[in-house]
């Protein structure tokens, strides 16, 4: 029978904090319980609650939740003390895992401090909105294509189309692309969703036309038929505010990492 541990294994970072004595009580901390003389404080409880239950957006814990979490902390402390008595903290495998957990914890905290010290401004998000959202808004295209391996075959297909052949039927019979079974139907897409030669060719076509010369991409040779074009309005700034904040934060992290790489000596000795 599968046994249930008295606390969540998902709280490894907090277990690490206990093992490294990072969660020692401050003088002003309210002591909630003691286990063999070791205090479990209010700040430790709150940190554990955040990790176990996530950010609760100001919603208070119920009395039942408080009792359960305190019980878990007591159980954790009991197990932790027994692990120390048994010398488990000196085990090479445990020490290696603790070092990895320490690295992960410090890495995570460094990124959190970086974002705290470089908060996302309204101006940052507005600029990202212009470059990432508004700039990509414009038109969407509905098209079909036939993908083949050679330019010669693509030209033969264009010749058949000029003679009145049905595009969808040719796609089913000749296309090597995954959309071939659907008559080459690609549905609606924006220019940025396609590789450049393909999107440039589509942008120059009119609805109802098929490409008069084959279009080459890294996938092969395409014959394209444009069916419809529609204008697309970008989502409002407020609608994508959360996504924009994440994009700006990712940019901050990326620039930070690049600055570290620029000052570091990195030698890749072998591939994994």
C-alpha atoms as a PDB file:
ATOM      1  CA  UNK A   1       0.000   0.000   0.000  1.00  0.00           C
ATOM      2  CA  UNK A   2       1.287   3.447  -0.926  1.00  0.00           C
ATOM      3  CA  UNK A   3       1.998   5.563   2.167  1.00  0.00           C
ATOM      4  CA  UNK A   4       1.327   9.277   2.439  1.00  0.00           C
ATOM      5  CA  UNK A   5       4.059  11.394   3.983  1.00  0.00           C
ATOM      6  CA  UNK A   6       3.063  13.835   6.756  1.00  0.00           C
ATOM      7  CA  UNK A   7       4.078  16.813   4.625  1.00  0.00           C
ATOM      8  CA  UNK A   8       4.319  17.668   0.949  1.00  0.00           C
ATOM      9  CA  UNK A   9       7.501  16.724  -0.910  1.00  0.00           C
ATOM     10  CA  UNK A  10       6.783  19.748  -3.108  1.00  0.00           C
ATOM     11  CA  UNK A  11       8.103  21.928  -0.293  1.00  0.00           C
ATOM     12  CA  UNK A  12      11.721  20.890  -0.822  1.00  0.00           C
ATOM     13  CA  UNK A  13      12.937  24.494  -0.834  1.00  0.00           C
ATOM     14  CA  UNK A  14      11.555  25.026   2.647  1.00  0.00           C
ATOM     15  CA  UNK A  15      13.015  21.714   3.797  1.00  0.00           C
ATOM     16  CA  UNK A  16      16.326  23.057   2.527  1.00  0.00           C
ATOM     17  CA  UNK A  17      15.812  26.257   4.470  1.00  0.00           C
ATOM     18  CA  UNK A  18      15.378  24.218   7.636  1.00  0.00           C
ATOM     19  CA  UNK A  19      18.424  22.084   6.892  1.00  0.00           C
ATOM     20  CA  UNK A  20      20.590  25.135   6.312  1.00  0.00           C
ATOM     21  CA  UNK A  21      19.116  26.983   9.304  1.00  0.00           C
ATOM     22  CA  UNK A  22      17.926  29.815   7.058  1.00  0.00           C
ATOM     23  CA  UNK A  23      14.569  29.997   8.809  1.00  0.00           C
ATOM     24  CA  UNK A  24      15.776  30.810  12.340  1.00  0.00           C
ATOM     25  CA  UNK A  25      13.313  32.822  14.380  1.00  0.00           C
ATOM     26  CA  UNK A  26      13.749  36.545  14.672  1.00  0.00           C
ATOM     27  CA  UNK A  27      13.480  38.128  18.112  1.00  0.00           C
ATOM     28  CA  UNK A  28      10.058  39.579  17.349  1.00  0.00           C
ATOM     29  CA  UNK A  29       8.663  36.334  15.919  1.00  0.00           C
ATOM     30  CA  UNK A  30       5.665  34.841  17.651  1.00  0.00           C
ATOM     31  CA  UNK A  31       6.442  31.265  18.712  1.00  0.00           C
ATOM     32  CA  UNK A  32       3.632  28.952  17.645  1.00  0.00           C
ATOM     33  CA  UNK A  33       5.092  25.683  18.904  1.00  0.00           C
ATOM     34  CA  UNK A  34       8.320  24.079  20.048  1.00  0.00           C
ATOM     35  CA  UNK A  35       9.654  20.636  19.141  1.00  0.00           C
ATOM     36  CA  UNK A  36      12.301  19.392  21.561  1.00  0.00           C
ATOM     37  CA  UNK A  37      13.106  23.015  22.294  1.00  0.00           C
ATOM     38  CA  UNK A  38      13.236  24.181  18.659  1.00  0.00           C
ATOM     39  CA  UNK A  39      10.778  26.992  17.964  1.00  0.00           C
ATOM     40  CA  UNK A  40       8.347  27.071  15.042  1.00  0.00           C
ATOM     41  CA  UNK A  41       7.646  30.760  14.526  1.00  0.00           C
ATOM     42  CA  UNK A  42       4.989  32.836  12.839  1.00  0.00           C
ATOM     43  CA  UNK A  43       7.365  33.855  10.019  1.00  0.00           C
ATOM     44  CA  UNK A  44       8.270  30.219   9.343  1.00  0.00           C
ATOM     45  CA  UNK A  45       4.581  29.338   9.318  1.00  0.00           C
ATOM     46  CA  UNK A  46       3.745  32.124   6.866  1.00  0.00           C
ATOM     47  CA  UNK A  47       6.583  31.193   4.521  1.00  0.00           C
ATOM     48  CA  UNK A  48       5.474  27.554   4.601  1.00  0.00           C
ATOM     49  CA  UNK A  49       1.845  28.526   3.983  1.00  0.00           C
ATOM     50  CA  UNK A  50       2.827  30.595   0.941  1.00  0.00           C
ATOM     51  CA  UNK A  51       4.787  27.715  -0.485  1.00  0.00           C
ATOM     52  CA  UNK A  52       2.144  25.072   0.194  1.00  0.00           C
ATOM     53  CA  UNK A  53      -0.905  27.069  -0.839  1.00  0.00           C
ATOM     54  CA  UNK A  54       0.542  29.682  -3.196  1.00  0.00           C
ATOM     55  CA  UNK A  55      -0.332  33.375  -3.213  1.00  0.00           C
ATOM     56  CA  UNK A  56      -3.838  33.672  -1.799  1.00  0.00           C
ATOM     57  CA  UNK A  57      -4.465  37.274  -2.882  1.00  0.00           C
ATOM     58  CA  UNK A  58      -5.284  38.403   0.637  1.00  0.00           C
ATOM     59  CA  UNK A  59      -7.691  35.544   1.430  1.00  0.00           C
ATOM     60  CA  UNK A  60      -7.180  34.501   5.060  1.00  0.00           C
ATOM     61  CA  UNK A  61      -6.540  30.906   6.027  1.00  0.00           C
ATOM     62  CA  UNK A  62      -9.324  28.997   7.695  1.00  0.00           C
ATOM     63  CA  UNK A  63      -8.792  27.659  11.199  1.00  0.00           C
ATOM     64  CA  UNK A  64      -8.697  24.145   9.763  1.00  0.00           C
ATOM     65  CA  UNK A  65      -5.980  25.134   7.288  1.00  0.00           C
ATOM     66  CA  UNK A  66      -3.924  26.794  10.015  1.00  0.00           C
ATOM     67  CA  UNK A  67      -4.151  23.694  12.200  1.00  0.00           C
ATOM     68  CA  UNK A  68      -3.220  21.378   9.338  1.00  0.00           C
ATOM     69  CA  UNK A  69      -0.219  23.491   8.282  1.00  0.00           C
ATOM     70  CA  UNK A  70       1.073  23.772  11.846  1.00  0.00           C
ATOM     71  CA  UNK A  71       0.752  19.998  12.215  1.00  0.00           C
ATOM     72  CA  UNK A  72       2.753  19.587   9.019  1.00  0.00           C
ATOM     73  CA  UNK A  73       5.475  21.898  10.328  1.00  0.00           C
ATOM     74  CA  UNK A  74       5.663  19.946  13.593  1.00  0.00           C
ATOM     75  CA  UNK A  75       5.896  16.668  11.657  1.00  0.00           C
ATOM     76  CA  UNK A  76       8.563  18.135   9.427  1.00  0.00           C
ATOM     77  CA  UNK A  77      10.636  19.285  12.399  1.00  0.00           C
ATOM     78  CA  UNK A  78      10.365  15.863  14.027  1.00  0.00           C
ATOM     79  CA  UNK A  79      11.576  14.150  10.860  1.00  0.00           C
ATOM     80  CA  UNK A  80      14.318  16.748  10.374  1.00  0.00           C
ATOM     81  CA  UNK A  81      15.657  16.260  13.902  1.00  0.00           C
ATOM     82  CA  UNK A  82      15.599  12.476  13.508  1.00  0.00           C
ATOM     83  CA  UNK A  83      17.469  12.791  10.174  1.00  0.00           C
ATOM     84  CA  UNK A  84      20.199  14.806  11.910  1.00  0.00           C
ATOM     85  CA  UNK A  85      20.458  12.254  14.740  1.00  0.00           C
ATOM     86  CA  UNK A  86      20.925   9.485  12.182  1.00  0.00           C
ATOM     87  CA  UNK A  87      23.684  11.445  10.413  1.00  0.00           C
ATOM     88  CA  UNK A  88      21.725  11.712   7.190  1.00  0.00           C
ATOM     89  CA  UNK A  89      23.011  15.247   6.636  1.00  0.00           C
ATOM     90  CA  UNK A  90      26.512  13.780   6.221  1.00  0.00           C
ATOM     91  CA  UNK A  91      25.476  11.266   3.560  1.00  0.00           C
ATOM     92  CA  UNK A  92      27.255  12.120   0.231  1.00  0.00           C
ATOM     93  CA  UNK A  93      24.078  11.716  -1.833  1.00  0.00           C
ATOM     94  CA  UNK A  94      22.126  13.961   0.530  1.00  0.00           C
ATOM     95  CA  UNK A  95      24.887  16.583   0.562  1.00  0.00           C
ATOM     96  CA  UNK A  96      24.900  16.617  -3.250  1.00  0.00           C
ATOM     97  CA  UNK A  97      21.128  17.068  -3.389  1.00  0.00           C
ATOM     98  CA  UNK A  98      21.297  19.813  -0.763  1.00  0.00           C
ATOM     99  CA  UNK A  99      23.904  21.616  -2.854  1.00  0.00           C
ATOM    100  CA  UNK A 100      21.627  21.411  -5.913  1.00  0.00           C
ATOM    101  CA  UNK A 101      18.674  22.689  -3.886  1.00  0.00           C
ATOM    102  CA  UNK A 102      20.842  25.493  -2.557  1.00  0.00           C
ATOM    103  CA  UNK A 103      21.858  26.469  -6.093  1.00  0.00           C
ATOM    104  CA  UNK A 104      18.245  26.418  -7.266  1.00  0.00           C
ATOM    105  CA  UNK A 105      17.083  28.453  -4.275  1.00  0.00           C
ATOM    106  CA  UNK A 106      19.800  31.092  -4.628  1.00  0.00           C
ATOM    107  CA  UNK A 107      19.257  31.308  -8.394  1.00  0.00           C
ATOM    108  CA  UNK A 108      15.537  31.797  -7.891  1.00  0.00           C
ATOM    109  CA  UNK A 109      16.089  34.413  -5.178  1.00  0.00           C
ATOM    110  CA  UNK A 110      18.595  36.298  -7.344  1.00  0.00           C
ATOM    111  CA  UNK A 111      16.050  36.559 -10.155  1.00  0.00           C
ATOM    112  CA  UNK A 112      13.362  37.674  -7.695  1.00  0.00           C
ATOM    113  CA  UNK A 113      15.657  40.407  -6.375  1.00  0.00           C
ATOM    114  CA  UNK A 114      16.563  41.429  -9.924  1.00  0.00           C
ATOM    115  CA  UNK A 115      12.889  41.880 -10.811  1.00  0.00           C
ATOM    116  CA  UNK A 116      12.196  43.620  -7.512  1.00  0.00           C
ATOM    117  CA  UNK A 117      15.003  46.109  -8.160  1.00  0.00           C
ATOM    118  CA  UNK A 118      13.928  46.613 -11.786  1.00  0.00           C
ATOM    119  CA  UNK A 119      10.133  46.931 -11.610  1.00  0.00           C
ATOM    120  CA  UNK A 120       8.190  46.981 -14.854  1.00  0.00           C
ATOM    121  CA  UNK A 121       7.025  50.501 -15.629  1.00  0.00           C
ATOM    122  CA  UNK A 122       3.959  51.610 -17.541  1.00  0.00           C
ATOM    123  CA  UNK A 123       6.286  53.092 -20.172  1.00  0.00           C
ATOM    124  CA  UNK A 124       8.062  49.733 -20.591  1.00  0.00           C
ATOM    125  CA  UNK A 125       4.773  47.964 -21.199  1.00  0.00           C
ATOM    126  CA  UNK A 126       3.500  50.665 -23.575  1.00  0.00           C
ATOM    127  CA  UNK A 127       6.656  50.386 -25.652  1.00  0.00           C
ATOM    128  CA  UNK A 128       6.415  46.597 -25.724  1.00  0.00           C
ATOM    129  CA  UNK A 129       2.761  46.903 -26.730  1.00  0.00           C
ATOM    130  CA  UNK A 130       3.742  49.022 -29.721  1.00  0.00           C
ATOM    131  CA  UNK A 131       6.561  46.747 -30.859  1.00  0.00           C
ATOM    132  CA  UNK A 132       5.086  43.356 -30.021  1.00  0.00           C
ATOM    133  CA  UNK A 133       1.346  43.790 -30.437  1.00  0.00           C
ATOM    134  CA  UNK A 134       0.448  46.764 -32.593  1.00  0.00           C
ATOM    135  CA  UNK A 135       3.307  46.205 -35.041  1.00  0.00           C
ATOM    136  CA  UNK A 136       2.158  42.650 -35.698  1.00  0.00           C
ATOM    137  CA  UNK A 137      -1.481  43.599 -36.155  1.00  0.00           C
ATOM    138  CA  UNK A 138      -2.655  44.226 -39.679  1.00  0.00           C
ATOM    139  CA  UNK A 139      -3.814  41.441 -41.937  1.00  0.00           C
ATOM    140  CA  UNK A 140      -4.512  37.759 -41.711  1.00  0.00           C
ATOM    141  CA  UNK A 141      -4.578  35.404 -44.652  1.00  0.00           C
ATOM    142  CA  UNK A 142      -6.508  32.250 -45.448  1.00  0.00           C
ATOM    143  CA  UNK A 143      -4.671  30.096 -47.936  1.00  0.00           C
ATOM    144  CA  UNK A 144      -3.898  26.642 -49.242  1.00  0.00           C
ATOM    145  CA  UNK A 145      -0.560  25.297 -50.394  1.00  0.00           C
ATOM    146  CA  UNK A 146       0.962  22.334 -52.152  1.00  0.00           C
ATOM    147  CA  UNK A 147       4.406  21.350 -50.889  1.00  0.00           C
ATOM    148  CA  UNK A 148       6.721  19.288 -53.081  1.00  0.00           C
ATOM    149  CA  UNK A 149      10.400  18.361 -53.117  1.00  0.00           C
ATOM    150  CA  UNK A 150      11.503  19.968 -56.391  1.00  0.00           C
ATOM    151  CA  UNK A 151      11.042  23.159 -58.354  1.00  0.00           C
ATOM    152  CA  UNK A 152      10.281  21.139 -61.476  1.00  0.00           C
ATOM    153  CA  UNK A 153       7.355  19.359 -59.816  1.00  0.00           C
ATOM    154  CA  UNK A 154       6.039  22.672 -58.475  1.00  0.00           C
ATOM    155  CA  UNK A 155       6.135  24.135 -61.998  1.00  0.00           C
ATOM    156  CA  UNK A 156       4.239  21.134 -63.344  1.00  0.00           C
ATOM    157  CA  UNK A 157       1.531  21.700 -60.706  1.00  0.00           C
ATOM    158  CA  UNK A 158       1.280  25.387 -61.656  1.00  0.00           C
ATOM    159  CA  UNK A 159       0.837  24.314 -65.281  1.00  0.00           C
ATOM    160  CA  UNK A 160      -2.009  21.970 -64.291  1.00  0.00           C
ATOM    161  CA  UNK A 161      -3.663  24.767 -62.306  1.00  0.00           C
ATOM    162  CA  UNK A 162      -3.499  27.063 -65.314  1.00  0.00           C
ATOM    163  CA  UNK A 163      -5.272  24.359 -67.279  1.00  0.00           C
ATOM    164  CA  UNK A 164      -8.123  24.363 -64.764  1.00  0.00           C
ATOM    165  CA  UNK A 165      -7.156  21.662 -62.259  1.00  0.00           C
ATOM    166  CA  UNK A 166      -8.717  21.880 -58.787  1.00  0.00           C
ATOM    167  CA  UNK A 167      -6.200  23.144 -56.226  1.00  0.00           C
ATOM    168  CA  UNK A 168      -7.549  21.135 -53.278  1.00  0.00           C
ATOM    169  CA  UNK A 169      -7.580  17.898 -55.262  1.00  0.00           C
ATOM    170  CA  UNK A 170      -4.010  18.463 -56.437  1.00  0.00           C
ATOM    171  CA  UNK A 171      -2.956  19.112 -52.857  1.00  0.00           C
ATOM    172  CA  UNK A 172      -4.496  15.846 -51.709  1.00  0.00           C
ATOM    173  CA  UNK A 173      -2.751  13.946 -54.487  1.00  0.00           C
ATOM    174  CA  UNK A 174       0.635  15.646 -54.641  1.00  0.00           C
ATOM    175  CA  UNK A 175       1.458  17.609 -51.456  1.00  0.00           C
ATOM    176  CA  UNK A 176       3.983  16.115 -49.030  1.00  0.00           C
ATOM    177  CA  UNK A 177       2.972  18.567 -46.302  1.00  0.00           C
ATOM    178  CA  UNK A 178       0.742  17.601 -43.348  1.00  0.00           C
ATOM    179  CA  UNK A 179      -2.062  19.810 -44.705  1.00  0.00           C
ATOM    180  CA  UNK A 180      -2.200  17.827 -47.938  1.00  0.00           C
ATOM    181  CA  UNK A 181      -4.936  15.552 -46.633  1.00  0.00           C
ATOM    182  CA  UNK A 182      -7.093  18.644 -46.030  1.00  0.00           C
ATOM    183  CA  UNK A 183      -6.559  19.887 -49.566  1.00  0.00           C
ATOM    184  CA  UNK A 184      -3.616  22.027 -48.455  1.00  0.00           C
ATOM    185  CA  UNK A 185      -5.817  24.160 -46.184  1.00  0.00           C
ATOM    186  CA  UNK A 186      -3.713  26.268 -43.784  1.00  0.00           C
ATOM    187  CA  UNK A 187      -6.601  28.138 -42.189  1.00  0.00           C
ATOM    188  CA  UNK A 188      -6.087  31.729 -41.048  1.00  0.00           C
ATOM    189  CA  UNK A 189      -2.578  32.969 -40.234  1.00  0.00           C
ATOM    190  CA  UNK A 190      -0.627  36.193 -39.892  1.00  0.00           C
ATOM    191  CA  UNK A 191       2.512  36.973 -41.841  1.00  0.00           C
ATOM    192  CA  UNK A 192       4.683  36.498 -38.749  1.00  0.00           C
ATOM    193  CA  UNK A 193       3.448  32.925 -38.342  1.00  0.00           C
ATOM    194  CA  UNK A 194       4.967  31.822 -41.634  1.00  0.00           C
ATOM    195  CA  UNK A 195       8.558  31.712 -42.834  1.00  0.00           C
ATOM    196  CA  UNK A 196       9.561  34.887 -44.652  1.00  0.00           C
ATOM    197  CA  UNK A 197       9.525  33.695 -48.304  1.00  0.00           C
ATOM    198  CA  UNK A 198       6.055  32.222 -47.805  1.00  0.00           C
ATOM    199  CA  UNK A 199       4.582  35.277 -46.050  1.00  0.00           C
ATOM    200  CA  UNK A 200       6.119  37.664 -48.606  1.00  0.00           C
ATOM    201  CA  UNK A 201       4.608  35.706 -51.483  1.00  0.00           C
ATOM    202  CA  UNK A 202       1.156  35.658 -49.867  1.00  0.00           C
ATOM    203  CA  UNK A 203       1.277  39.405 -49.161  1.00  0.00           C
ATOM    204  CA  UNK A 204       1.716  40.109 -52.891  1.00  0.00           C
ATOM    205  CA  UNK A 205      -1.237  37.980 -53.976  1.00  0.00           C
ATOM    206  CA  UNK A 206      -4.916  38.795 -54.370  1.00  0.00           C
ATOM    207  CA  UNK A 207      -7.731  36.561 -53.119  1.00  0.00           C
ATOM    208  CA  UNK A 208      -8.465  33.810 -55.628  1.00  0.00           C
ATOM    209  CA  UNK A 209      -4.953  33.825 -57.110  1.00  0.00           C
ATOM    210  CA  UNK A 210      -2.388  31.046 -56.972  1.00  0.00           C
ATOM    211  CA  UNK A 211       1.362  31.632 -57.133  1.00  0.00           C
ATOM    212  CA  UNK A 212       2.666  31.841 -60.702  1.00  0.00           C
ATOM    213  CA  UNK A 213       6.192  30.812 -59.725  1.00  0.00           C
ATOM    214  CA  UNK A 214       7.193  28.272 -57.051  1.00  0.00           C
ATOM    215  CA  UNK A 215       8.070  29.591 -53.602  1.00  0.00           C
ATOM    216  CA  UNK A 216      11.135  28.049 -52.005  1.00  0.00           C
ATOM    217  CA  UNK A 217      11.531  27.650 -48.224  1.00  0.00           C
ATOM    218  CA  UNK A 218      13.568  25.309 -46.033  1.00  0.00           C
ATOM    219  CA  UNK A 219      10.669  22.872 -46.209  1.00  0.00           C
ATOM    220  CA  UNK A 220      10.654  22.520 -49.972  1.00  0.00           C
ATOM    221  CA  UNK A 221       8.845  24.150 -52.911  1.00  0.00           C
ATOM    222  CA  UNK A 222       5.375  25.633 -52.437  1.00  0.00           C
ATOM    223  CA  UNK A 223       2.510  26.450 -54.733  1.00  0.00           C
ATOM    224  CA  UNK A 224       0.145  28.764 -52.850  1.00  0.00           C
ATOM    225  CA  UNK A 225      -3.484  29.713 -53.352  1.00  0.00           C
ATOM    226  CA  UNK A 226      -4.749  32.754 -51.444  1.00  0.00           C
ATOM    227  CA  UNK A 227      -8.440  32.488 -50.566  1.00  0.00           C
ATOM    228  CA  UNK A 228      -9.250  35.426 -48.268  1.00  0.00           C
ATOM    229  CA  UNK A 229      -7.661  38.416 -46.533  1.00  0.00           C
ATOM    230  CA  UNK A 230      -8.987  40.203 -43.466  1.00  0.00           C
ATOM    231  CA  UNK A 231      -7.914  43.124 -41.309  1.00  0.00           C
ATOM    232  CA  UNK A 232      -7.074  42.330 -37.713  1.00  0.00           C
ATOM    233  CA  UNK A 233      -7.402  44.771 -34.835  1.00  0.00           C
ATOM    234  CA  UNK A 234      -4.847  44.328 -32.056  1.00  0.00           C
ATOM    235  CA  UNK A 235      -6.116  43.469 -28.560  1.00  0.00           C
ATOM    236  CA  UNK A 236      -6.366  46.427 -26.217  1.00  0.00           C
ATOM    237  CA  UNK A 237      -3.451  47.329 -23.973  1.00  0.00           C
ATOM    238  CA  UNK A 238      -5.416  46.457 -20.842  1.00  0.00           C
ATOM    239  CA  UNK A 239      -6.338  43.045 -22.214  1.00  0.00           C
ATOM    240  CA  UNK A 240      -2.689  42.030 -22.637  1.00  0.00           C
ATOM    241  CA  UNK A 241      -1.208  44.001 -19.728  1.00  0.00           C
ATOM    242  CA  UNK A 242      -0.300  40.854 -17.789  1.00  0.00           C
ATOM    243  CA  UNK A 243       1.392  39.268 -20.797  1.00  0.00           C
ATOM    244  CA  UNK A 244       3.302  42.475 -21.507  1.00  0.00           C
ATOM    245  CA  UNK A 245       4.588  42.587 -17.935  1.00  0.00           C
ATOM    246  CA  UNK A 246       5.879  39.020 -18.307  1.00  0.00           C
ATOM    247  CA  UNK A 247       7.555  39.852 -21.634  1.00  0.00           C
ATOM    248  CA  UNK A 248       9.309  42.877 -20.123  1.00  0.00           C
ATOM    249  CA  UNK A 249      10.450  40.787 -17.141  1.00  0.00           C
ATOM    250  CA  UNK A 250      11.768  38.093 -19.491  1.00  0.00           C
ATOM    251  CA  UNK A 251      13.686  40.794 -21.357  1.00  0.00           C
ATOM    252  CA  UNK A 252      15.195  42.037 -18.092  1.00  0.00           C
ATOM    253  CA  UNK A 253      16.284  38.511 -17.164  1.00  0.00           C
ATOM    254  CA  UNK A 254      17.704  37.862 -20.636  1.00  0.00           C
ATOM    255  CA  UNK A 255      19.737  41.082 -20.584  1.00  0.00           C
ATOM    256  CA  UNK A 256      21.004  40.275 -17.092  1.00  0.00           C
ATOM    257  CA  UNK A 257      22.156  36.808 -18.175  1.00  0.00           C
ATOM    258  CA  UNK A 258      23.813  38.207 -21.290  1.00  0.00           C
ATOM    259  CA  UNK A 259      25.699  40.740 -19.163  1.00  0.00           C
ATOM    260  CA  UNK A 260      26.963  37.913 -16.961  1.00  0.00           C
ATOM    261  CA  UNK A 261      28.055  35.907 -19.975  1.00  0.00           C
ATOM    262  CA  UNK A 262      29.874  38.939 -21.336  1.00  0.00           C
ATOM    263  CA  UNK A 263      32.031  39.122 -18.219  1.00  0.00           C
ATOM    264  CA  UNK A 264      32.520  35.365 -17.761  1.00  0.00           C
ATOM    265  CA  UNK A 265      34.964  32.862 -19.194  1.00  0.00           C
ATOM    266  CA  UNK A 266      32.849  29.933 -20.371  1.00  0.00           C
ATOM    267  CA  UNK A 267      34.413  26.819 -21.854  1.00  0.00           C
ATOM    268  CA  UNK A 268      32.199  23.970 -23.072  1.00  0.00           C
ATOM    269  CA  UNK A 269      34.390  20.889 -22.764  1.00  0.00           C
ATOM    270  CA  UNK A 270      31.956  18.279 -24.109  1.00  0.00           C
ATOM    271  CA  UNK A 271      28.341  17.715 -25.024  1.00  0.00           C
ATOM    272  CA  UNK A 272      26.131  15.832 -22.543  1.00  0.00           C
END
